[in-house]
């Protein structure tokens, strides 16, 4: 799985090419789609669906019509790869792969939590140095989450995407962080507040649609030649359907006294001239 530079929305649009790119996010019960071209969002929509498999072709046709774009005009397809609903991710990725193969266009897969984190920057005015933590329901009493820090030109991703219980996670969320996502973000916010730490919660209804940022990141990556191979692109499940969360270090400190141990990954800050690169 790859992780790409997380620039602010205006820079992502500036990096995008003129040819349209379709963005798809199907990792939840909401279908979120957008088309980006000429440095702007040509069209988007986000709505609850009962079945992504049954609705996605009609949704794409509706969006293309709204944007005034023909299917054959697409320069590429960007798709959220998770974590999220196993079924939704498989459907979205299969559709994106089929479209890329049929049109012989580019494809790029992007972590879904990255799109949530970027939506916070556009909607809440998060300040440099502030921590952003997307949190979405993983069922079975667990959530998917990741940790980001706001930097001058975007976001620095501090952690791998992970799955954990709300209780375990809430003990390690730093004060003044922004929690964003579905109902699980609000639940985490309540638990953190009971521990005496102040955080801000941005619910799904307060955030721009995720598909917008999948399309923006995808369009910028494709314009830079940073694409994926259709055959190699896989969903980011984080866990198998039978997996359970086990902390790697039971002695990790609470986030109030430091977050470095919790979110284990090699950190790499963005710089103003950073190009889209991949990290395995």
Protein backbone atom coordinates (compact mmCIF):
# COMPACT_ATOMS: atom_id res chain seq x y z
CA UNK A 1 0.00 0.00 0.00
CA UNK A 2 1.25 3.46 -0.88
CA UNK A 3 0.89 6.78 0.87
CA UNK A 4 1.22 10.03 -1.04
CA UNK A 5 1.92 13.64 -0.16
CA UNK A 6 -1.02 15.29 1.56
CA UNK A 7 -1.11 18.84 0.30
CA UNK A 8 -3.82 21.40 0.95
CA UNK A 9 -6.79 21.30 -1.44
CA UNK A 10 -5.81 24.41 -3.38
CA UNK A 11 -2.35 23.01 -4.12
CA UNK A 12 -3.71 19.61 -5.09
CA UNK A 13 -6.00 21.34 -7.59
CA UNK A 14 -3.07 23.38 -8.86
CA UNK A 15 -1.08 20.19 -9.47
CA UNK A 16 -3.96 18.46 -11.27
CA UNK A 17 -3.97 18.30 -15.06
CA UNK A 18 -6.67 19.55 -17.42
CA UNK A 19 -8.07 16.11 -18.23
CA UNK A 20 -10.84 14.86 -15.93
CA UNK A 21 -10.20 12.34 -13.15
CA UNK A 22 -12.97 10.46 -11.40
CA UNK A 23 -12.72 9.92 -7.63
CA UNK A 24 -14.60 7.12 -5.83
CA UNK A 25 -14.95 6.49 -2.09
CA UNK A 26 -17.11 3.49 -1.17
CA UNK A 27 -15.65 2.41 2.15
CA UNK A 28 -18.76 3.27 4.16
CA UNK A 29 -22.53 3.20 3.66
CA UNK A 30 -22.18 6.52 1.83
CA UNK A 31 -21.16 6.71 -1.82
CA UNK A 32 -18.95 9.77 -2.37
CA UNK A 33 -17.89 10.62 -5.93
CA UNK A 34 -16.31 13.62 -7.62
CA UNK A 35 -14.69 14.69 -10.89
CA UNK A 36 -11.71 17.05 -10.98
CA UNK A 37 -10.29 18.82 -14.06
CA UNK A 38 -8.88 22.24 -15.01
CA UNK A 39 -7.95 22.96 -11.40
CA UNK A 40 -11.47 22.65 -10.01
CA UNK A 41 -14.15 20.21 -8.95
CA UNK A 42 -16.49 19.83 -11.93
CA UNK A 43 -19.09 17.83 -10.05
CA UNK A 44 -19.61 15.77 -6.93
CA UNK A 45 -22.24 14.08 -4.80
CA UNK A 46 -22.43 12.08 -1.62
CA UNK A 47 -25.41 9.96 -0.56
CA UNK A 48 -26.26 6.91 1.56
CA UNK A 49 -26.74 3.70 -0.42
CA UNK A 50 -28.00 0.25 0.47
CA UNK A 51 -25.75 -1.50 -2.06
CA UNK A 52 -22.66 -0.04 -3.74
CA UNK A 53 -22.65 -2.89 -6.26
CA UNK A 54 -26.15 -2.05 -7.45
CA UNK A 55 -25.80 1.72 -7.46
CA UNK A 56 -22.27 2.65 -8.52
CA UNK A 57 -22.72 2.48 -12.34
CA UNK A 58 -25.79 4.73 -12.16
CA UNK A 59 -24.02 7.11 -9.76
CA UNK A 60 -21.03 7.45 -12.09
CA UNK A 61 -23.30 8.12 -15.09
CA UNK A 62 -25.20 10.74 -13.09
CA UNK A 63 -22.00 12.46 -12.04
CA UNK A 64 -20.55 12.44 -15.57
CA UNK A 65 -23.73 14.03 -16.87
CA UNK A 66 -23.65 16.71 -14.15
CA UNK A 67 -20.01 17.52 -14.92
CA UNK A 68 -20.51 17.50 -18.70
CA UNK A 69 -17.88 14.80 -19.13
CA UNK A 70 -18.01 11.67 -21.29
CA UNK A 71 -16.75 8.39 -19.90
CA UNK A 72 -14.17 8.23 -22.67
CA UNK A 73 -12.80 11.64 -21.60
CA UNK A 74 -11.48 10.34 -18.29
CA UNK A 75 -7.71 10.49 -17.89
CA UNK A 76 -7.82 8.36 -14.79
CA UNK A 77 -9.71 6.92 -11.86
CA UNK A 78 -8.83 7.47 -8.19
CA UNK A 79 -10.30 5.15 -5.60
CA UNK A 80 -10.29 5.05 -1.81
CA UNK A 81 -8.67 1.79 -0.74
CA UNK A 82 -9.68 1.82 2.93
CA UNK A 83 -9.73 1.01 5.69
CA UNK A 84 -13.50 0.70 5.74
CA UNK A 85 -16.31 -1.68 4.89
CA UNK A 86 -14.79 -4.81 3.34
CA UNK A 87 -17.65 -5.18 0.87
CA UNK A 88 -17.73 -1.50 -0.06
CA UNK A 89 -13.98 -1.40 -0.64
CA UNK A 90 -14.05 -4.50 -2.84
CA UNK A 91 -16.91 -3.13 -4.92
CA UNK A 92 -15.31 0.29 -5.40
CA UNK A 93 -11.91 -1.10 -6.25
CA UNK A 94 -13.30 -3.70 -8.65
CA UNK A 95 -15.32 -1.04 -10.46
CA UNK A 96 -12.33 1.32 -10.65
CA UNK A 97 -10.08 -1.44 -11.99
CA UNK A 98 -12.64 -2.47 -14.59
CA UNK A 99 -13.05 1.15 -15.72
CA UNK A 100 -9.30 1.71 -15.96
CA UNK A 101 -8.84 -1.45 -18.01
CA UNK A 102 -11.77 -0.70 -20.33
CA UNK A 103 -10.70 2.91 -20.91
CA UNK A 104 -6.97 2.18 -20.76
CA UNK A 105 -6.60 5.10 -18.41
CA UNK A 106 -4.55 5.63 -15.26
CA UNK A 107 -5.58 4.39 -11.83
CA UNK A 108 -4.45 5.40 -8.36
CA UNK A 109 -5.45 4.02 -4.96
CA UNK A 110 -5.49 6.29 -1.91
CA UNK A 111 -5.95 5.62 1.82
CA UNK A 112 -9.49 6.60 2.80
CA UNK A 113 -8.44 8.15 6.11
CA UNK A 114 -6.23 10.60 4.18
CA UNK A 115 -9.36 12.01 2.55
CA UNK A 116 -11.01 12.49 5.96
CA UNK A 117 -7.94 14.29 7.31
CA UNK A 118 -7.80 16.61 4.30
CA UNK A 119 -11.49 17.41 4.66
CA UNK A 120 -10.76 18.68 8.18
CA UNK A 121 -8.21 21.15 6.84
CA UNK A 122 -10.69 22.57 4.35
CA UNK A 123 -13.60 22.84 6.76
CA UNK A 124 -12.24 23.63 10.21
CA UNK A 125 -9.28 25.90 9.63
CA UNK A 126 -6.95 23.62 11.56
CA UNK A 127 -3.78 25.44 12.55
CA UNK A 128 -0.14 24.51 11.94
CA UNK A 129 1.04 22.05 14.57
CA UNK A 130 -2.44 20.82 15.43
CA UNK A 131 -3.11 17.07 15.50
CA UNK A 132 -5.87 15.61 13.32
CA UNK A 133 -7.20 12.13 14.02
CA UNK A 134 -9.74 10.58 11.62
CA UNK A 135 -11.83 7.91 13.38
CA UNK A 136 -14.37 5.65 11.65
CA UNK A 137 -16.36 2.65 12.78
CA UNK A 138 -14.70 -0.74 12.26
CA UNK A 139 -17.50 -2.69 13.98
CA UNK A 140 -17.00 -5.29 16.72
CA UNK A 141 -16.37 -2.49 19.20
CA UNK A 142 -13.36 -1.18 17.28
CA UNK A 143 -12.48 1.81 15.11
CA UNK A 144 -10.06 2.63 12.31
CA UNK A 145 -7.81 5.61 12.98
CA UNK A 146 -4.62 7.41 11.98
CA UNK A 147 -2.72 10.40 13.27
CA UNK A 148 -1.69 13.51 11.29
CA UNK A 149 -0.04 16.84 12.09
CA UNK A 150 -0.92 20.05 10.24
CA UNK A 151 2.11 21.61 8.54
CA UNK A 152 2.40 24.77 6.46
CA UNK A 153 1.52 23.19 3.12
CA UNK A 154 -0.60 20.22 4.14
CA UNK A 155 -0.46 17.28 6.50
CA UNK A 156 2.30 15.13 7.92
CA UNK A 157 1.07 11.58 8.44
CA UNK A 158 2.48 10.39 11.75
CA UNK A 159 1.12 6.85 11.81
CA UNK A 160 0.05 3.86 9.82
CA UNK A 161 -3.69 3.28 9.60
CA UNK A 162 -4.68 1.10 12.54
CA UNK A 163 -7.60 -0.63 14.26
CA UNK A 164 -8.20 -0.33 18.01
CA UNK A 165 -10.92 -0.20 20.64
CA UNK A 166 -12.37 3.24 21.34
CA UNK A 167 -11.32 3.01 24.98
CA UNK A 168 -7.68 2.23 24.14
CA UNK A 169 -7.52 4.92 21.48
CA UNK A 170 -9.19 7.65 23.56
CA UNK A 171 -6.55 7.31 26.27
CA UNK A 172 -3.86 8.18 23.74
CA UNK A 173 -5.42 11.09 21.85
CA UNK A 174 -3.65 14.36 22.67
CA UNK A 175 -5.38 17.45 24.00
CA UNK A 176 -6.49 20.04 21.43
CA UNK A 177 -6.64 17.43 18.66
CA UNK A 178 -9.35 17.48 16.00
CA UNK A 179 -11.28 14.20 15.78
CA UNK A 180 -13.12 13.66 12.53
CA UNK A 181 -15.24 10.98 10.91
CA UNK A 182 -18.50 9.18 11.58
CA UNK A 183 -20.34 8.64 14.89
CA UNK A 184 -17.21 6.97 16.30
CA UNK A 185 -15.37 10.31 16.32
CA UNK A 186 -18.07 11.80 18.56
CA UNK A 187 -17.91 8.76 20.83
CA UNK A 188 -14.15 9.11 21.11
CA UNK A 189 -14.53 12.82 21.88
CA UNK A 190 -16.81 12.05 24.83
CA UNK A 191 -14.34 9.53 26.23
CA UNK A 192 -11.43 11.95 25.85
CA UNK A 193 -13.37 14.75 27.56
CA UNK A 194 -14.07 12.45 30.52
CA UNK A 195 -10.31 12.11 30.88
CA UNK A 196 -10.01 15.88 31.26
CA UNK A 197 -8.61 16.66 27.80
CA UNK A 198 -10.22 19.13 25.44
CA UNK A 199 -10.66 18.11 21.79
CA UNK A 200 -12.70 19.30 18.81
CA UNK A 201 -15.03 16.88 17.01
CA UNK A 202 -15.96 17.31 13.33
CA UNK A 203 -18.81 15.01 12.36
CA UNK A 204 -19.41 13.62 8.89
CA UNK A 205 -22.22 16.12 8.21
CA UNK A 206 -19.84 19.01 8.93
CA UNK A 207 -17.13 17.83 6.53
CA UNK A 208 -16.88 18.12 2.73
CA UNK A 209 -17.51 14.81 0.90
CA UNK A 210 -14.55 12.40 0.95
CA UNK A 211 -14.81 11.73 -2.80
CA UNK A 212 -13.72 15.30 -3.48
CA UNK A 213 -10.35 14.71 -1.86
CA UNK A 214 -9.88 11.27 -3.39
CA UNK A 215 -10.40 12.92 -6.79
CA UNK A 216 -8.05 15.83 -5.95
CA UNK A 217 -5.26 13.60 -4.67
CA UNK A 218 -5.72 11.22 -7.58
CA UNK A 219 -5.70 13.97 -10.21
CA UNK A 220 -2.52 15.48 -8.75
CA UNK A 221 -0.81 12.09 -8.53
CA UNK A 222 -1.78 11.11 -12.08
CA UNK A 223 -0.56 14.46 -13.45
CA UNK A 224 2.80 13.75 -11.77
CA UNK A 225 2.93 10.24 -13.26
CA UNK A 226 2.52 8.63 -9.84
CA UNK A 227 0.04 5.88 -10.75
CA UNK A 228 -0.62 2.31 -9.65
CA UNK A 229 -0.62 -0.97 -11.54
CA UNK A 230 -4.16 -2.33 -11.90
CA UNK A 231 -3.16 -5.88 -10.96
CA UNK A 232 -1.18 -4.81 -7.89
CA UNK A 233 -3.79 -2.50 -6.36
CA UNK A 234 -5.44 -4.02 -3.28
CA UNK A 235 -7.81 -2.85 -0.54
CA UNK A 236 -6.28 -1.62 2.72
CA UNK A 237 -8.19 -3.76 5.21
CA UNK A 238 -5.83 -3.14 8.19
CA UNK A 239 -7.16 -6.37 9.68
CA UNK A 240 -8.56 -9.62 8.32
CA UNK A 241 -12.27 -10.30 8.94
CA UNK A 242 -11.34 -12.49 11.93
CA UNK A 243 -8.55 -10.32 13.33
CA UNK A 244 -8.68 -8.68 16.75
CA UNK A 245 -6.66 -5.74 18.00
CA UNK A 246 -3.62 -6.39 20.16
CA UNK A 247 -1.46 -3.43 21.22
CA UNK A 248 2.17 -3.89 20.15
CA UNK A 249 3.33 -2.34 23.40
CA UNK A 250 1.14 -2.58 26.50
CA UNK A 251 3.33 -0.01 28.20
CA UNK A 252 2.68 2.82 25.76
CA UNK A 253 2.15 6.18 27.41
CA UNK A 254 -1.11 8.10 27.14
CA UNK A 255 -1.14 10.80 24.50
CA UNK A 256 -1.35 13.51 27.11
CA UNK A 257 2.30 12.78 27.90
CA UNK A 258 3.42 12.07 24.33
CA UNK A 259 2.13 10.38 21.19
CA UNK A 260 5.35 9.20 19.65
CA UNK A 261 5.14 5.63 20.93
CA UNK A 262 1.50 5.05 20.01
CA UNK A 263 1.56 5.66 16.32
CA UNK A 264 4.59 3.66 15.20
CA UNK A 265 5.94 4.63 11.82
CA UNK A 266 8.85 6.49 10.33
CA UNK A 267 7.78 10.12 10.02
CA UNK A 268 8.54 12.24 6.98
CA UNK A 269 7.59 15.94 6.98
CA UNK A 270 6.37 17.61 3.83
CA UNK A 271 8.50 20.32 2.26
CA UNK A 272 7.33 23.07 -0.02
CA UNK A 273 8.86 21.46 -3.12
CA UNK A 274 7.91 17.84 -2.32
CA UNK A 275 6.72 15.76 -5.24
CA UNK A 276 4.39 12.80 -5.04
CA UNK A 277 6.40 9.88 -3.76
CA UNK A 278 5.45 6.45 -2.50
CA UNK A 279 6.45 4.74 0.69
CA UNK A 280 5.98 1.02 1.11
